Amino acid sequence: MLLKVVISILLIIGIINPKVIWMVKGGGKFKDNGPSNLYLVMNRVFSVILLLVTWLFLPN
């Protein structure tokens, strides 16, 4: 159950503010470039999908 909660928190952060995930993954190394709009949208879509998979298929 704790694993579900931790994964869910990270995914919710990715849904609300995908720039944070971009910075954590190393995007902050590039000074004048931000994440593309496509990256932000795809990150939100995959975060929602993974959140659903986490709660539907991971055992308690």
Protein backbone atom coordinates (compact mmCIF):
# COMPACT_ATOMS: atom_id res chain seq x y z
CA MET A 1 0.00 0.00 0.00
CA LEU A 2 2.87 2.36 0.80
CA LEU A 3 4.33 1.74 -2.65
CA LYS A 4 1.02 2.74 -4.24
CA VAL A 5 0.94 5.96 -2.25
CA VAL A 6 4.51 6.92 -3.13
CA ILE A 7 4.00 6.17 -6.82
CA SER A 8 0.72 8.06 -6.78
CA ILE A 9 2.29 11.15 -5.24
CA LEU A 10 5.01 11.22 -7.89
CA LEU A 11 2.49 10.74 -10.68
CA ILE A 12 0.20 13.45 -9.33
CA ILE A 13 3.16 15.84 -9.26
CA GLY A 14 3.78 14.89 -12.89
CA ILE A 15 0.16 15.63 -13.76
CA ILE A 16 -0.01 18.97 -11.93
CA ASN A 17 3.44 20.31 -12.84
CA PRO A 18 5.34 18.24 -15.41
CA LYS A 19 8.20 20.77 -15.44
CA VAL A 20 9.24 19.42 -12.03
CA ILE A 21 9.65 15.95 -13.51
CA TRP A 22 11.60 17.45 -16.41
CA MET A 23 13.97 19.16 -13.96
CA VAL A 24 14.43 15.97 -11.92
CA LYS A 25 15.21 13.95 -15.05
CA GLY A 26 18.07 16.32 -15.89
CA GLY A 27 16.36 18.92 -18.03
CA GLY A 28 17.71 21.67 -15.81
CA LYS A 29 21.17 21.11 -17.31
CA PHE A 30 20.11 23.00 -20.42
CA LYS A 31 20.09 26.66 -19.45
CA ASP A 32 18.03 28.41 -22.13
CA ASN A 33 15.85 25.53 -23.22
CA GLY A 34 12.65 24.50 -21.52
CA PRO A 35 10.58 21.41 -22.13
CA SER A 36 8.53 21.38 -25.31
CA ASN A 37 4.76 21.55 -25.20
CA LEU A 38 4.61 18.03 -26.65
CA TYR A 39 6.77 16.74 -23.80
CA LEU A 40 4.54 18.39 -21.20
CA VAL A 41 1.34 17.01 -22.73
CA MET A 42 2.74 13.49 -23.18
CA ASN A 43 4.08 13.49 -19.64
CA ARG A 44 0.62 14.36 -18.31
CA VAL A 45 -1.06 11.71 -20.45
CA PHE A 46 1.35 8.95 -19.39
CA SER A 47 1.12 10.04 -15.75
CA VAL A 48 -2.67 9.69 -15.82
CA ILE A 49 -2.43 6.28 -17.50
CA LEU A 50 0.17 5.04 -15.02
CA LEU A 51 -1.88 6.36 -12.10
CA LEU A 52 -4.87 4.36 -13.29
CA VAL A 53 -2.75 1.25 -13.83
CA THR A 54 -1.21 1.64 -10.37
CA TRP A 55 -4.57 1.74 -8.60
CA LEU A 56 -6.29 -0.86 -10.75
CA PHE A 57 -3.63 -3.55 -11.09
CA LEU A 58 -1.14 -3.30 -8.21
CA PRO A 59 -2.16 -5.42 -5.24
CA ASN A 60 -2.75 -3.84 -1.87
